Amino acid sequence: MTVIRCKPDGIETLCRTTKFTKKELKLMYQGFKQACPTGIVNENTFKDIYAQFFPHGETGPYAHYVFKAFDRDRNGTISFQDFVVGLSALTRGTTLEKLQWTFNLYDINGDGCISREEMCEIIMAVYSLMGNFAEPSVDKTSAREHSERVFQRLDKNKDGVVTFDEFVDTCVKDENMMKSINLLDTIL
């Protein structure tokens, strides 16, 4: 059995394509290689890693969607490059880059818009992460109702789908959403 190994582009290239320093990239690469010695991670391994951060919740569904958002070339694996490009957008990107990444997460089928069903799937997956420890406890009906309220707010023209423009327009005008987006800003 042949083991596939993936080596990232040079550090200079990664510095140009991300907003991380050489020192940060080296530190992240060490951690990535420790968890994924081959230099790539498949979805099952990603889910296992993700589950360590949410030991009391059901991480599978949400980890699946996050994995798909990081797997830019849709080859079923995340390379170190995929990982740091996505992480760079989330943690150091402009507001528009963060919103684009988030929109792509919700646009499960990649058709350029978010349907009511896609919105519900992601929100249900987020609630599942919290498990029985969410306060107050959330059932499927509450999650669906929350999803519907969010969808109605985002679907400005009431055509049954949320476009990227509608998503951005609503989010940038929402103080809580902007606070949430800016919480992702981080220094390693």
Protein backbone atom coordinates (compact mmCIF):
# COMPACT_ATOMS: atom_id res chain seq x y z
CA MET A 1 0.00 0.00 0.00
CA THR A 2 1.44 3.34 -1.08
CA VAL A 3 1.25 6.22 1.38
CA ILE A 4 0.57 9.52 -0.33
CA ARG A 5 2.55 12.40 1.09
CA CYS A 6 1.84 16.03 0.41
CA LYS A 7 4.45 18.71 0.76
CA PRO A 8 3.26 22.33 0.84
CA ASP A 9 4.53 25.10 -1.38
CA GLY A 10 7.54 26.92 -0.03
CA ILE A 11 7.17 29.14 2.98
CA GLU A 12 7.68 32.28 0.89
CA THR A 13 4.74 31.34 -1.32
CA LEU A 14 2.57 30.61 1.71
CA CYS A 15 3.51 33.98 3.22
CA ARG A 16 2.34 35.67 0.00
CA THR A 17 -0.92 33.71 -0.26
CA THR A 18 -1.85 34.00 3.43
CA LYS A 19 -1.62 36.66 6.08
CA PHE A 20 0.68 34.63 8.31
CA THR A 21 4.33 35.23 9.08
CA LYS A 22 7.07 32.66 8.47
CA LYS A 23 7.25 32.00 12.20
CA GLU A 24 3.49 31.40 12.43
CA LEU A 25 3.48 29.13 9.39
CA LYS A 26 6.37 27.06 10.76
CA LEU A 27 4.57 26.66 14.08
CA MET A 28 1.31 25.66 12.39
CA TYR A 29 3.11 23.24 10.06
CA GLN A 30 4.72 21.48 13.01
CA GLY A 31 1.30 20.98 14.60
CA PHE A 32 -0.28 19.93 11.31
CA LYS A 33 2.45 17.36 10.60
CA GLN A 34 2.12 16.00 14.12
CA ALA A 35 -1.61 15.38 13.64
CA CYS A 36 -1.27 14.47 9.95
CA PRO A 37 2.16 12.98 9.20
CA THR A 38 1.36 12.52 5.50
CA GLY A 39 0.74 16.26 5.09
CA ILE A 40 -2.93 15.75 4.25
CA VAL A 41 -6.01 15.02 6.29
CA ASN A 42 -9.07 13.12 5.15
CA GLU A 43 -12.57 13.82 6.42
CA ASN A 44 -12.64 11.03 9.02
CA THR A 45 -9.38 12.18 10.59
CA PHE A 46 -10.61 15.78 10.49
CA LYS A 47 -13.78 14.74 12.32
CA ASP A 48 -11.72 12.92 14.95
CA ILE A 49 -9.58 16.01 15.52
CA TYR A 50 -12.64 18.27 15.59
CA ALA A 51 -14.36 16.02 18.15
CA GLN A 52 -11.54 16.68 20.61
CA PHE A 53 -12.65 20.33 20.79
CA PHE A 54 -16.32 19.49 21.42
CA PRO A 55 -16.27 16.33 23.55
CA HIS A 56 -19.90 16.64 24.69
CA GLY A 57 -21.54 17.37 21.37
CA GLU A 58 -22.18 15.65 18.07
CA THR A 59 -19.41 17.06 15.87
CA GLY A 60 -19.83 14.91 12.76
CA PRO A 61 -22.30 17.03 10.78
CA TYR A 62 -20.64 20.39 11.42
CA ALA A 63 -17.13 19.00 10.97
CA HIS A 64 -18.27 17.64 7.60
CA TYR A 65 -19.33 21.12 6.44
CA VAL A 66 -16.17 22.78 7.78
CA PHE A 67 -14.09 20.10 6.05
CA LYS A 68 -15.84 20.83 2.75
CA ALA A 69 -15.19 24.56 3.19
CA PHE A 70 -11.46 23.93 3.69
CA ASP A 71 -11.22 21.36 0.86
CA ARG A 72 -10.93 24.03 -1.84
CA ASP A 73 -10.14 21.70 -4.73
CA ARG A 74 -12.82 19.17 -3.70
CA ASN A 75 -10.41 16.22 -3.77
CA GLY A 76 -11.53 14.75 -0.44
CA THR A 77 -8.48 15.87 1.52
CA ILE A 78 -7.20 19.02 3.16
CA SER A 79 -3.57 19.84 2.58
CA PHE A 80 -1.59 22.20 4.78
CA GLN A 81 -2.00 24.83 2.07
CA ASP A 82 -5.79 24.39 2.03
CA PHE A 83 -5.80 24.65 5.80
CA VAL A 84 -3.73 27.82 6.13
CA VAL A 85 -5.44 29.60 3.23
CA GLY A 86 -8.83 28.99 4.85
CA LEU A 87 -7.57 29.83 8.31
CA SER A 88 -5.98 33.01 7.00
CA ALA A 89 -9.29 34.15 5.51
CA LEU A 90 -11.12 33.37 8.76
CA THR A 91 -8.66 34.88 11.20
CA ARG A 92 -6.84 37.59 9.27
CA GLY A 93 -9.01 38.25 6.27
CA THR A 94 -10.99 41.33 5.49
CA THR A 95 -14.62 41.41 6.52
CA LEU A 96 -15.54 40.47 2.95
CA GLU A 97 -13.14 37.48 2.94
CA LYS A 98 -14.57 36.23 6.24
CA LEU A 99 -18.10 36.63 4.95
CA GLN A 100 -17.18 34.81 1.72
CA TRP A 101 -15.76 31.87 3.68
CA THR A 102 -18.85 31.76 5.90
CA PHE A 103 -21.17 32.00 2.90
CA ASN A 104 -19.32 29.10 1.26
CA LEU A 105 -19.79 27.06 4.43
CA TYR A 106 -23.57 27.59 4.30
CA ASP A 107 -23.77 27.08 0.52
CA ILE A 108 -23.53 23.33 0.92
CA ASN A 109 -24.12 22.41 -2.73
CA GLY A 110 -21.91 25.20 -4.08
CA ASP A 111 -24.55 26.70 -6.38
CA GLY A 112 -23.86 30.29 -5.32
CA CYS A 113 -26.86 30.73 -3.04
CA ILE A 114 -28.09 29.47 0.31
CA SER A 115 -31.41 27.67 0.38
CA ARG A 116 -33.71 27.42 3.36
CA GLU A 117 -32.70 23.75 3.71
CA GLU A 118 -28.98 24.52 3.65
CA MET A 119 -29.44 27.19 6.32
CA CYS A 120 -31.34 24.73 8.48
CA GLU A 121 -28.73 21.97 8.04
CA ILE A 122 -25.87 24.21 9.17
CA ILE A 123 -27.76 25.70 12.10
CA MET A 124 -28.86 22.23 13.25
CA ALA A 125 -25.23 21.09 13.00
CA VAL A 126 -24.10 24.05 15.12
CA TYR A 127 -26.69 23.22 17.78
CA SER A 128 -25.53 19.59 17.75
CA LEU A 129 -22.01 20.75 18.62
CA MET A 130 -23.27 22.01 21.96
CA GLY A 131 -24.84 18.70 22.87
CA ASN A 132 -26.81 18.51 26.07
CA PHE A 133 -24.84 21.38 27.56
CA ALA A 134 -26.49 24.18 25.57
CA GLU A 135 -28.29 26.63 27.82
CA PRO A 136 -31.14 26.64 27.39
CA SER A 137 -31.35 23.17 25.91
CA VAL A 138 -32.28 23.32 22.24
CA ASP A 139 -34.51 20.81 20.49
CA LYS A 140 -34.88 20.31 16.74
CA THR A 141 -38.04 22.42 16.59
CA SER A 142 -36.32 25.39 18.24
CA ALA A 143 -33.33 25.04 15.92
CA ARG A 144 -35.61 24.97 12.87
CA GLU A 145 -37.49 28.04 14.11
CA HIS A 146 -34.21 29.87 14.67
CA SER A 147 -33.05 28.85 11.21
CA GLU A 148 -36.25 30.17 9.66
CA ARG A 149 -35.90 33.54 11.45
CA VAL A 150 -32.31 33.90 10.23
CA PHE A 151 -33.25 32.89 6.70
CA GLN A 152 -36.13 35.39 6.56
CA ARG A 153 -33.78 38.16 7.65
CA LEU A 154 -31.20 37.28 5.01
CA ASP A 155 -33.58 36.67 2.10
CA LYS A 156 -34.11 40.37 1.35
CA ASN A 157 -36.10 39.94 -1.87
CA LYS A 158 -38.10 36.95 -0.54
CA ASP A 159 -37.29 34.71 -3.52
CA GLY A 160 -36.51 31.66 -1.38
CA VAL A 161 -32.71 31.82 -1.65
CA VAL A 162 -29.99 33.98 -0.12
CA THR A 163 -27.42 35.33 -2.57
CA PHE A 164 -23.94 36.41 -1.55
CA ASP A 165 -24.95 40.07 -1.98
CA GLU A 166 -27.97 39.63 0.30
CA PHE A 167 -25.80 37.78 2.82
CA VAL A 168 -23.15 40.52 2.88
CA ASP A 169 -25.68 43.36 2.92
CA THR A 170 -27.49 41.92 5.94
CA CYS A 171 -24.35 40.91 7.83
CA VAL A 172 -22.48 44.21 7.53
CA LYS A 173 -25.54 46.06 8.87
CA ASP A 174 -25.86 43.71 11.86
CA GLU A 175 -23.76 44.79 14.85
CA ASN A 176 -23.84 41.34 16.48
CA MET A 177 -22.78 39.62 13.28
CA MET A 178 -19.88 42.01 12.86
CA LYS A 179 -18.79 41.41 16.47
CA SER A 180 -18.89 37.66 15.80
CA ILE A 181 -16.86 38.02 12.62
CA ASN A 182 -14.30 40.20 14.36
CA LEU A 183 -13.94 37.69 17.20
CA LEU A 184 -12.17 35.52 14.64
CA ASP A 185 -9.29 38.02 14.47
CA THR A 186 -6.40 36.38 16.23
CA ILE A 187 -2.72 36.51 16.92
CA LEU A 188 -0.94 33.17 17.12
